[in-house]
C-alpha atoms as a PDB file:
ATOM      1  CA  MET A   1      29.926  -7.925  22.295  1.00  0.00           C
ATOM      2  CA  SER A   2      29.384  -5.442  19.488  1.00  0.00           C
ATOM      3  CA  ARG A   3      31.447  -2.255  19.541  1.00  0.00           C
ATOM      4  CA  LYS A   4      28.981  -0.553  17.236  1.00  0.00           C
ATOM      5  CA  PRO A   5      26.595   2.023  18.799  1.00  0.00           C
ATOM      6  CA  ARG A   6      23.449   0.002  18.125  1.00  0.00           C
ATOM      7  CA  PRO A   7      20.522   0.384  20.545  1.00  0.00           C
ATOM      8  CA  TRP A   8      20.384  -3.421  20.802  1.00  0.00           C
ATOM      9  CA  GLU A   9      22.887  -6.229  21.135  1.00  0.00           C
ATOM     10  CA  ARG A  10      20.978  -9.498  21.241  1.00  0.00           C
ATOM     11  CA  ILE A  11      17.457 -10.787  20.652  1.00  0.00           C
ATOM     12  CA  SER A  12      15.999 -14.223  21.358  1.00  0.00           C
ATOM     13  CA  ILE A  13      13.232 -15.760  19.263  1.00  0.00           C
ATOM     14  CA  ARG A  14      11.567 -18.999  20.356  1.00  0.00           C
ATOM     15  CA  THR A  15       8.878 -19.370  17.679  1.00  0.00           C
ATOM     16  CA  LYS A  16       7.829 -17.970  14.312  1.00  0.00           C
ATOM     17  CA  GLU A  17       5.176 -15.854  16.051  1.00  0.00           C
ATOM     18  CA  GLU A  18       7.899 -14.047  18.021  1.00  0.00           C
ATOM     19  CA  VAL A  19       9.909 -12.940  14.979  1.00  0.00           C
ATOM     20  CA  GLU A  20       8.044  -9.737  14.157  1.00  0.00           C
ATOM     21  CA  PRO A  21       7.731  -8.518  17.792  1.00  0.00           C
ATOM     22  CA  ALA A  22      11.431  -9.228  18.379  1.00  0.00           C
ATOM     23  CA  LEU A  23      12.354  -7.043  15.389  1.00  0.00           C
ATOM     24  CA  ALA A  24       9.758  -4.348  16.139  1.00  0.00           C
ATOM     25  CA  SER A  25      12.318  -1.601  16.831  1.00  0.00           C
ATOM     26  CA  ILE A  26      15.213  -2.841  14.700  1.00  0.00           C
ATOM     27  CA  GLY A  27      16.046  -1.497  11.242  1.00  0.00           C
ATOM     28  CA  LEU A  28      12.816   0.396  10.650  1.00  0.00           C
ATOM     29  CA  THR A  29      14.401   3.246   8.672  1.00  0.00           C
ATOM     30  CA  VAL A  30      17.770   4.580   7.531  1.00  0.00           C
ATOM     31  CA  PRO A  31      18.555   8.311   7.978  1.00  0.00           C
ATOM     32  CA  SER A  32      19.139  10.455   4.907  1.00  0.00           C
ATOM     33  CA  ARG A  33      22.780  10.963   3.959  1.00  0.00           C
ATOM     34  CA  LYS A  34      22.229  14.749   3.880  1.00  0.00           C
ATOM     35  CA  LYS A  35      21.686  14.787   7.643  1.00  0.00           C
ATOM     36  CA  GLY A  36      25.179  13.427   8.171  1.00  0.00           C
ATOM     37  CA  THR A  37      24.038  11.034  10.888  1.00  0.00           C
ATOM     38  CA  ARG A  38      23.850   7.765   8.966  1.00  0.00           C
ATOM     39  CA  LYS A  39      25.898   4.918  10.414  1.00  0.00           C
ATOM     40  CA  GLN A  40      26.915   1.709   8.723  1.00  0.00           C
ATOM     41  CA  TRP A  41      25.064  -0.384  11.314  1.00  0.00           C
ATOM     42  CA  GLN A  42      21.796   1.377  10.450  1.00  0.00           C
ATOM     43  CA  LYS A  43      21.976   0.116   6.871  1.00  0.00           C
ATOM     44  CA  GLU A  44      22.954  -3.330   8.125  1.00  0.00           C
ATOM     45  CA  ASP A  45      20.021  -3.439  10.563  1.00  0.00           C
ATOM     46  CA  TRP A  46      17.642  -2.359   7.785  1.00  0.00           C
ATOM     47  CA  CYS A  47      18.777  -5.325   5.707  1.00  0.00           C
ATOM     48  CA  LEU A  48      18.777  -7.743   8.641  1.00  0.00           C
ATOM     49  CA  ARG A  49      15.197  -6.913   9.591  1.00  0.00           C
ATOM     50  CA  ARG A  50      13.830  -7.608   6.115  1.00  0.00           C
ATOM     51  CA  TYR A  51      15.999 -10.677   5.608  1.00  0.00           C
ATOM     52  CA  ILE A  52      14.894 -12.378   8.836  1.00  0.00           C
ATOM     53  CA  LEU A  53      11.225 -11.456   8.351  1.00  0.00           C
ATOM     54  CA  THR A  54      11.306 -12.891   4.830  1.00  0.00           C
ATOM     55  CA  LEU A  55      13.018 -16.125   5.865  1.00  0.00           C
ATOM     56  CA  ALA A  56      10.474 -16.531   8.663  1.00  0.00           C
ATOM     57  CA  SER A  57       7.570 -15.989   6.273  1.00  0.00           C
ATOM     58  CA  GLY A  58       8.913 -18.788   4.064  1.00  0.00           C
ATOM     59  CA  ASN A  59       9.450 -21.137   7.029  1.00  0.00           C
ATOM     60  CA  LEU A  60      13.201 -21.067   6.405  1.00  0.00           C
ATOM     61  CA  LEU A  61      14.309 -20.387   9.987  1.00  0.00           C
ATOM     62  CA  ASP A  62      14.998 -22.870  12.771  1.00  0.00           C
ATOM     63  CA  TYR A  63      13.823 -22.079  16.297  1.00  0.00           C
ATOM     64  CA  PRO A  64      14.819 -21.151  18.892  1.00  0.00           C
ATOM     65  CA  ILE A  65      17.291 -18.647  17.516  1.00  0.00           C
ATOM     66  CA  GLU A  66      19.392 -15.896  19.050  1.00  0.00           C
ATOM     67  CA  ILE A  67      20.632 -13.009  16.906  1.00  0.00           C
ATOM     68  CA  MET A  68      23.554 -10.924  18.145  1.00  0.00           C
ATOM     69  CA  ALA A  69      25.042  -7.786  16.620  1.00  0.00           C
ATOM     70  CA  SER A  70      28.727  -8.393  16.078  1.00  0.00           C
ATOM     71  CA  GLU A  71      31.723  -7.581  13.904  1.00  0.00           C
ATOM     72  CA  SER A  72      33.294  -9.947  11.394  1.00  0.00           C
ATOM     73  CA  PRO A  73      30.649 -11.142  10.810  1.00  0.00           C
ATOM     74  CA  ASP A  74      28.097  -8.352  11.216  1.00  0.00           C
ATOM     75  CA  TYR A  75      25.647 -10.712  12.961  1.00  0.00           C
ATOM     76  CA  LEU A  76      25.800 -14.038  14.759  1.00  0.00           C
ATOM     77  CA  LEU A  77      22.885 -16.451  14.546  1.00  0.00           C
ATOM     78  CA  MET A  78      22.913 -19.039  17.320  1.00  0.00           C
ATOM     79  CA  PHE A  79      20.750 -22.145  17.327  1.00  0.00           C
ATOM     80  CA  PRO A  80      20.980 -23.684  20.818  1.00  0.00           C
ATOM     81  CA  ASN A  81      19.029 -26.817  19.872  1.00  0.00           C
ATOM     82  CA  ARG A  82      21.375 -27.750  17.034  1.00  0.00           C
ATOM     83  CA  LEU A  83      24.316 -30.082  17.394  1.00  0.00           C
ATOM     84  CA  PRO A  84      27.774 -28.569  16.775  1.00  0.00           C
ATOM     85  CA  THR A  85      27.933 -30.557  13.539  1.00  0.00           C
ATOM     86  CA  GLU A  86      24.728 -28.843  12.371  1.00  0.00           C
ATOM     87  CA  ALA A  87      26.129 -25.297  12.160  1.00  0.00           C
ATOM     88  CA  SER A  88      24.925 -24.184  15.590  1.00  0.00           C
ATOM     89  CA  ILE A  89      26.575 -20.769  15.112  1.00  0.00           C
ATOM     90  CA  GLN A  90      26.216 -19.017  11.762  1.00  0.00           C
ATOM     91  CA  GLY A  91      27.097 -15.540  10.586  1.00  0.00           C
ATOM     92  CA  ILE A  92      25.560 -12.909   8.346  1.00  0.00           C
ATOM     93  CA  GLU A  93      27.849 -10.444   6.576  1.00  0.00           C
ATOM     94  CA  VAL A  94      26.111  -7.487   4.897  1.00  0.00           C
ATOM     95  CA  THR A  95      27.420  -5.584   1.888  1.00  0.00           C
ATOM     96  CA  GLU A  96      26.042  -3.705  -1.106  1.00  0.00           C
ATOM     97  CA  ALA A  97      26.226  -3.859  -4.870  1.00  0.00           C
ATOM     98  CA  THR A  98      26.592  -0.419  -6.414  1.00  0.00           C
ATOM     99  CA  THR A  99      28.783   1.780  -8.606  1.00  0.00           C
ATOM    100  CA  ASN A 100      30.983   4.739  -7.692  1.00  0.00           C
ATOM    101  CA  ALA A 101      29.123   6.994 -10.124  1.00  0.00           C
ATOM    102  CA  TYR A 102      25.762   6.233  -8.558  1.00  0.00           C
ATOM    103  CA  GLN A 103      27.068   6.715  -5.025  1.00  0.00           C
ATOM    104  CA  LYS A 104      28.540  10.083  -6.004  1.00  0.00           C
ATOM    105  CA  TRP A 105      25.189  11.165  -7.399  1.00  0.00           C
ATOM    106  CA  LEU A 106      23.313   9.961  -4.308  1.00  0.00           C
ATOM    107  CA  ASN A 107      25.494  12.169  -2.129  1.00  0.00           C
ATOM    108  CA  ASP A 108      23.869  15.166  -3.832  1.00  0.00           C
ATOM    109  CA  VAL A 109      20.266  14.230  -3.119  1.00  0.00           C
ATOM    110  CA  ASP A 110      18.308  14.178   0.096  1.00  0.00           C
ATOM    111  CA  ASN A 111      17.136  10.567   0.034  1.00  0.00           C
ATOM    112  CA  ASP A 112      18.265   7.251  -1.438  1.00  0.00           C
ATOM    113  CA  VAL A 113      15.513   6.936  -4.015  1.00  0.00           C
ATOM    114  CA  ILE A 114      15.570   6.131  -7.703  1.00  0.00           C
ATOM    115  CA  ILE A 115      14.790   9.383  -9.548  1.00  0.00           C
ATOM    116  CA  PRO A 116      15.727  10.624 -13.047  1.00  0.00           C
ATOM    117  CA  LEU A 117      19.481  10.494 -13.386  1.00  0.00           C
ATOM    118  CA  PRO A 118      21.818  12.883 -15.190  1.00  0.00           C
ATOM    119  CA  ASN A 119      23.133  11.870 -18.599  1.00  0.00           C
ATOM    120  CA  GLY A 120      26.321   9.882 -18.477  1.00  0.00           C
ATOM    121  CA  LEU A 121      25.762   8.364 -15.037  1.00  0.00           C
ATOM    122  CA  LEU A 122      25.245   4.893 -16.465  1.00  0.00           C
ATOM    123  CA  PRO A 123      27.723   3.416 -18.968  1.00  0.00           C
ATOM    124  CA  ASP A 124      26.612   3.915 -22.567  1.00  0.00           C
ATOM    125  CA  CYS A 125      24.806   0.890 -23.888  1.00  0.00           C
ATOM    126  CA  PRO A 126      26.785  -0.628 -26.807  1.00  0.00           C
ATOM    127  CA  GLU A 127      25.269   0.060 -30.185  1.00  0.00           C
ATOM    128  CA  LYS A 128      22.598  -2.456 -31.245  1.00  0.00           C
ATOM    129  CA  HIS A 129      22.668  -4.008 -27.774  1.00  0.00           C
ATOM    130  CA  ASN A 130      19.370  -4.677 -26.008  1.00  0.00           C
ATOM    131  CA  VAL A 131      19.147  -2.044 -23.252  1.00  0.00           C
ATOM    132  CA  GLY A 132      17.313  -4.359 -20.869  1.00  0.00           C
ATOM    133  CA  SER A 133      19.905  -7.099 -21.298  1.00  0.00           C
ATOM    134  CA  TYR A 134      22.700  -4.590 -20.786  1.00  0.00           C
ATOM    135  CA  ILE A 135      21.191  -3.396 -17.501  1.00  0.00           C
ATOM    136  CA  ASN A 136      20.789  -7.022 -16.413  1.00  0.00           C
ATOM    137  CA  LYS A 137      24.444  -7.704 -17.265  1.00  0.00           C
ATOM    138  CA  LEU A 138      25.631  -4.698 -15.234  1.00  0.00           C
ATOM    139  CA  TRP A 139      23.462  -5.811 -12.312  1.00  0.00           C
ATOM    140  CA  VAL A 140      24.893  -9.338 -12.322  1.00  0.00           C
ATOM    141  CA  GLU A 141      28.450  -8.002 -12.589  1.00  0.00           C
ATOM    142  CA  ALA A 142      27.937  -5.676  -9.590  1.00  0.00           C
ATOM    143  CA  VAL A 143      26.386  -8.410  -7.449  1.00  0.00           C
ATOM    144  CA  ASN A 144      29.122 -10.873  -8.388  1.00  0.00           C
ATOM    145  CA  LYS A 145      31.804  -8.302  -7.574  1.00  0.00           C
ATOM    146  CA  ALA A 146      30.236  -7.670  -4.149  1.00  0.00           C
ATOM    147  CA  ALA A 147      30.133 -11.401  -3.440  1.00  0.00           C
ATOM    148  CA  ILE A 148      33.749 -11.990  -4.501  1.00  0.00           C
ATOM    149  CA  ARG A 149      34.873  -9.108  -2.291  1.00  0.00           C
ATOM    150  CA  LYS A 150      33.267 -10.847   0.683  1.00  0.00           C
ATOM    151  CA  PHE A 151      34.650 -14.265  -0.290  1.00  0.00           C
ATOM    152  CA  SER A 152      38.126 -12.802   0.185  1.00  0.00           C
ATOM    153  CA  LYS A 153      37.215 -11.421   3.591  1.00  0.00           C
ATOM    154  CA  LEU A 154      35.627 -14.701   4.701  1.00  0.00           C
ATOM    155  CA  ALA A 155      38.814 -16.550   3.752  1.00  0.00           C
ATOM    156  CA  SER A 156      40.992 -14.208   5.826  1.00  0.00           C
ATOM    157  CA  GLY A 157      40.575 -16.099   9.107  1.00  0.00           C
ATOM    158  CA  GLU A 158      38.450 -13.440  10.809  1.00  0.00           C
ATOM    159  CA  PHE A 159      35.383 -15.692  10.764  1.00  0.00           C
ATOM    160  CA  ASP A 160      36.714 -18.845  12.433  1.00  0.00           C
ATOM    161  CA  ARG A 161      34.157 -18.675  15.250  1.00  0.00           C
ATOM    162  CA  VAL A 162      31.238 -19.435  12.906  1.00  0.00           C
ATOM    163  CA  SER A 163      30.451 -22.692  11.124  1.00  0.00           C
ATOM    164  CA  ALA A 164      29.361 -20.793   8.019  1.00  0.00           C
ATOM    165  CA  CYS A 165      28.599 -17.212   7.081  1.00  0.00           C
ATOM    166  CA  ASP A 166      25.831 -16.097   4.746  1.00  0.00           C
ATOM    167  CA  ILE A 167      26.418 -13.025   2.600  1.00  0.00           C
ATOM    168  CA  LEU A 168      23.538 -10.562   2.323  1.00  0.00           C
ATOM    169  CA  ILE A 169      23.912  -8.090  -0.549  1.00  0.00           C
ATOM    170  CA  TYR A 170      21.801  -4.945  -0.775  1.00  0.00           C
ATOM    171  CA  ASP A 171      21.107  -3.918  -4.374  1.00  0.00           C
ATOM    172  CA  ASN A 172      21.975  -0.214  -4.435  1.00  0.00           C
ATOM    173  CA  MET A 173      22.160   0.131  -8.213  1.00  0.00           C
ATOM    174  CA  ALA A 174      20.705   2.916 -10.334  1.00  0.00           C
ATOM    175  CA  SER A 175      18.787   0.381 -12.424  1.00  0.00           C
ATOM    176  CA  ARG A 176      17.667  -3.157 -11.735  1.00  0.00           C
ATOM    177  CA  PRO A 177      16.088  -5.976 -13.760  1.00  0.00           C
ATOM    178  CA  LEU A 178      12.461  -5.401 -14.668  1.00  0.00           C
ATOM    179  CA  GLY A 179       9.618  -7.872 -14.966  1.00  0.00           C
ATOM    180  CA  ASP A 180       9.589 -11.630 -15.348  1.00  0.00           C
ATOM    181  CA  TRP A 181      11.725 -11.499 -18.496  1.00  0.00           C
ATOM    182  CA  GLY A 182      14.425  -9.395 -16.830  1.00  0.00           C
ATOM    183  CA  TRP A 183      14.688 -11.636 -13.800  1.00  0.00           C
ATOM    184  CA  SER A 184      14.612 -14.799 -15.909  1.00  0.00           C
ATOM    185  CA  GLU A 185      17.614 -13.523 -17.833  1.00  0.00           C
ATOM    186  CA  VAL A 186      19.404 -12.563 -14.622  1.00  0.00           C
ATOM    187  CA  LEU A 187      18.861 -16.036 -13.180  1.00  0.00           C
ATOM    188  CA  ARG A 188      20.353 -17.581 -16.319  1.00  0.00           C
ATOM    189  CA  MET A 189      23.354 -15.260 -16.068  1.00  0.00           C
ATOM    190  CA  LEU A 190      23.879 -16.123 -12.395  1.00  0.00           C
ATOM    191  CA  LYS A 191      23.777 -19.845 -13.110  1.00  0.00           C
ATOM    192  CA  GLY A 192      26.458 -19.309 -15.755  1.00  0.00           C
ATOM    193  CA  LEU A 193      28.954 -17.774 -13.329  1.00  0.00           C
ATOM    194  CA  ASP A 194      31.868 -19.912 -12.151  1.00  0.00           C
ATOM    195  CA  VAL A 195      32.154 -18.971  -8.480  1.00  0.00           C
ATOM    196  CA  GLN A 196      31.991 -22.295  -6.658  1.00  0.00           C
ATOM    197  CA  GLU A 197      35.751 -22.626  -6.198  1.00  0.00           C
ATOM    198  CA  ASN A 198      35.988 -19.190  -4.548  1.00  0.00           C
ATOM    199  CA  LYS A 199      32.797 -19.780  -2.564  1.00  0.00           C
ATOM    200  CA  ASN A 200      33.879 -23.195  -1.309  1.00  0.00           C
ATOM    201  CA  SER A 201      37.347 -21.961  -0.331  1.00  0.00           C
ATOM    202  CA  CYS A 202      35.925 -19.865   2.503  1.00  0.00           C
ATOM    203  CA  ARG A 203      33.245 -20.221   5.175  1.00  0.00           C
ATOM    204  CA  CYS A 204      30.473 -18.956   2.917  1.00  0.00           C
ATOM    205  CA  GLY A 205      27.012 -20.437   3.287  1.00  0.00           C
ATOM    206  CA  SER A 206      24.544 -18.848   0.884  1.00  0.00           C
ATOM    207  CA  VAL A 207      24.734 -15.571  -1.023  1.00  0.00           C
ATOM    208  CA  ASN A 208      21.483 -13.586  -0.935  1.00  0.00           C
ATOM    209  CA  VAL A 209      20.377 -10.296  -2.486  1.00  0.00           C
ATOM    210  CA  ILE A 210      17.781  -7.719  -1.436  1.00  0.00           C
ATOM    211  CA  SER A 211      16.601  -6.012  -4.625  1.00  0.00           C
ATOM    212  CA  GLY A 212      13.592  -3.711  -4.472  1.00  0.00           C
ATOM    213  CA  ASP A 213      10.715  -5.736  -3.052  1.00  0.00           C
ATOM    214  CA  LEU A 214      12.419  -9.083  -3.654  1.00  0.00           C
ATOM    215  CA  LEU A 215      14.812 -11.341  -1.775  1.00  0.00           C
ATOM    216  CA  LEU A 216      16.908 -13.631  -3.951  1.00  0.00           C
ATOM    217  CA  CYS A 217      18.093 -16.534  -1.815  1.00  0.00           C
ATOM    218  CA  ASP A 218      21.198 -18.612  -2.574  1.00  0.00           C
ATOM    219  CA  ILE A 219      21.953 -16.945  -5.910  1.00  0.00           C
ATOM    220  CA  PHE A 220      24.893 -19.264  -6.631  1.00  0.00           C
ATOM    221  CA  GLY A 221      22.966 -22.402  -5.697  1.00  0.00           C
ATOM    222  CA  ASP A 222      19.304 -23.340  -5.752  1.00  0.00           C
ATOM    223  CA  ILE A 223      18.047 -19.830  -6.428  1.00  0.00           C
ATOM    224  CA  ARG A 224      14.754 -18.913  -4.778  1.00  0.00           C
ATOM    225  CA  MET A 225      12.943 -15.602  -5.254  1.00  0.00           C
ATOM    226  CA  MET A 226      10.736 -14.388  -2.412  1.00  0.00           C
ATOM    227  CA  ARG A 227       8.629 -11.312  -1.795  1.00  0.00           C
ATOM    228  CA  LEU A 228      10.527  -9.128   0.680  1.00  0.00           C
ATOM    229  CA  MET A 229       8.788  -8.735   4.015  1.00  0.00           C
ATOM    230  CA  GLY A 230       8.964  -5.600   6.155  1.00  0.00           C
ATOM    231  CA  VAL A 231       8.968  -3.240   3.175  1.00  0.00           C
ATOM    232  CA  ASP A 232       7.560   0.186   4.069  1.00  0.00           C
END
């Protein structure tokens, strides 16, 4: 049972049509940091809601499914109709990709929104370097760092109760890739990363990223980009 003060602990979903009603009151919004009431589980629920809705829209969920709030991993996904050899219990571990400088700046504003930033917040782009490519490189580095951090945690033995655990990364960067060209370059960069040894050494399933109105599924495998569902 979860020790976090969530208003829910477990939901059961029998069919695709039940997904949205089951999530109707989960992860709708996240309080402003200025109010001092934001909890970690509120950010996690916000990500979970949009992740599950998007997977359901792409027919990427098996039914029936039970989702339980937990710790290490953050969520348990149970598939009662699966055989034990078919990953009948999976986990979802939520984290974020960001920078210390951006987080410090966000603490001084009322809401987590992208607005004009003070000079010096982002690293200076090297001379004669394409600015768009530099932003894409920083984005890939931050996402990769977030994933590697979770690989270490997954390998620690805390996750032995699950067959595999998916990592869900929330893109909380000051800048993100723009347009088809930007994302095409990011996908090439991701495919060039050598992470399989670290990924395979733990109980990691797929690594997924919520970025703006997109969900990038399995970024270190067969990458799939989907329109994020449940966006306000």
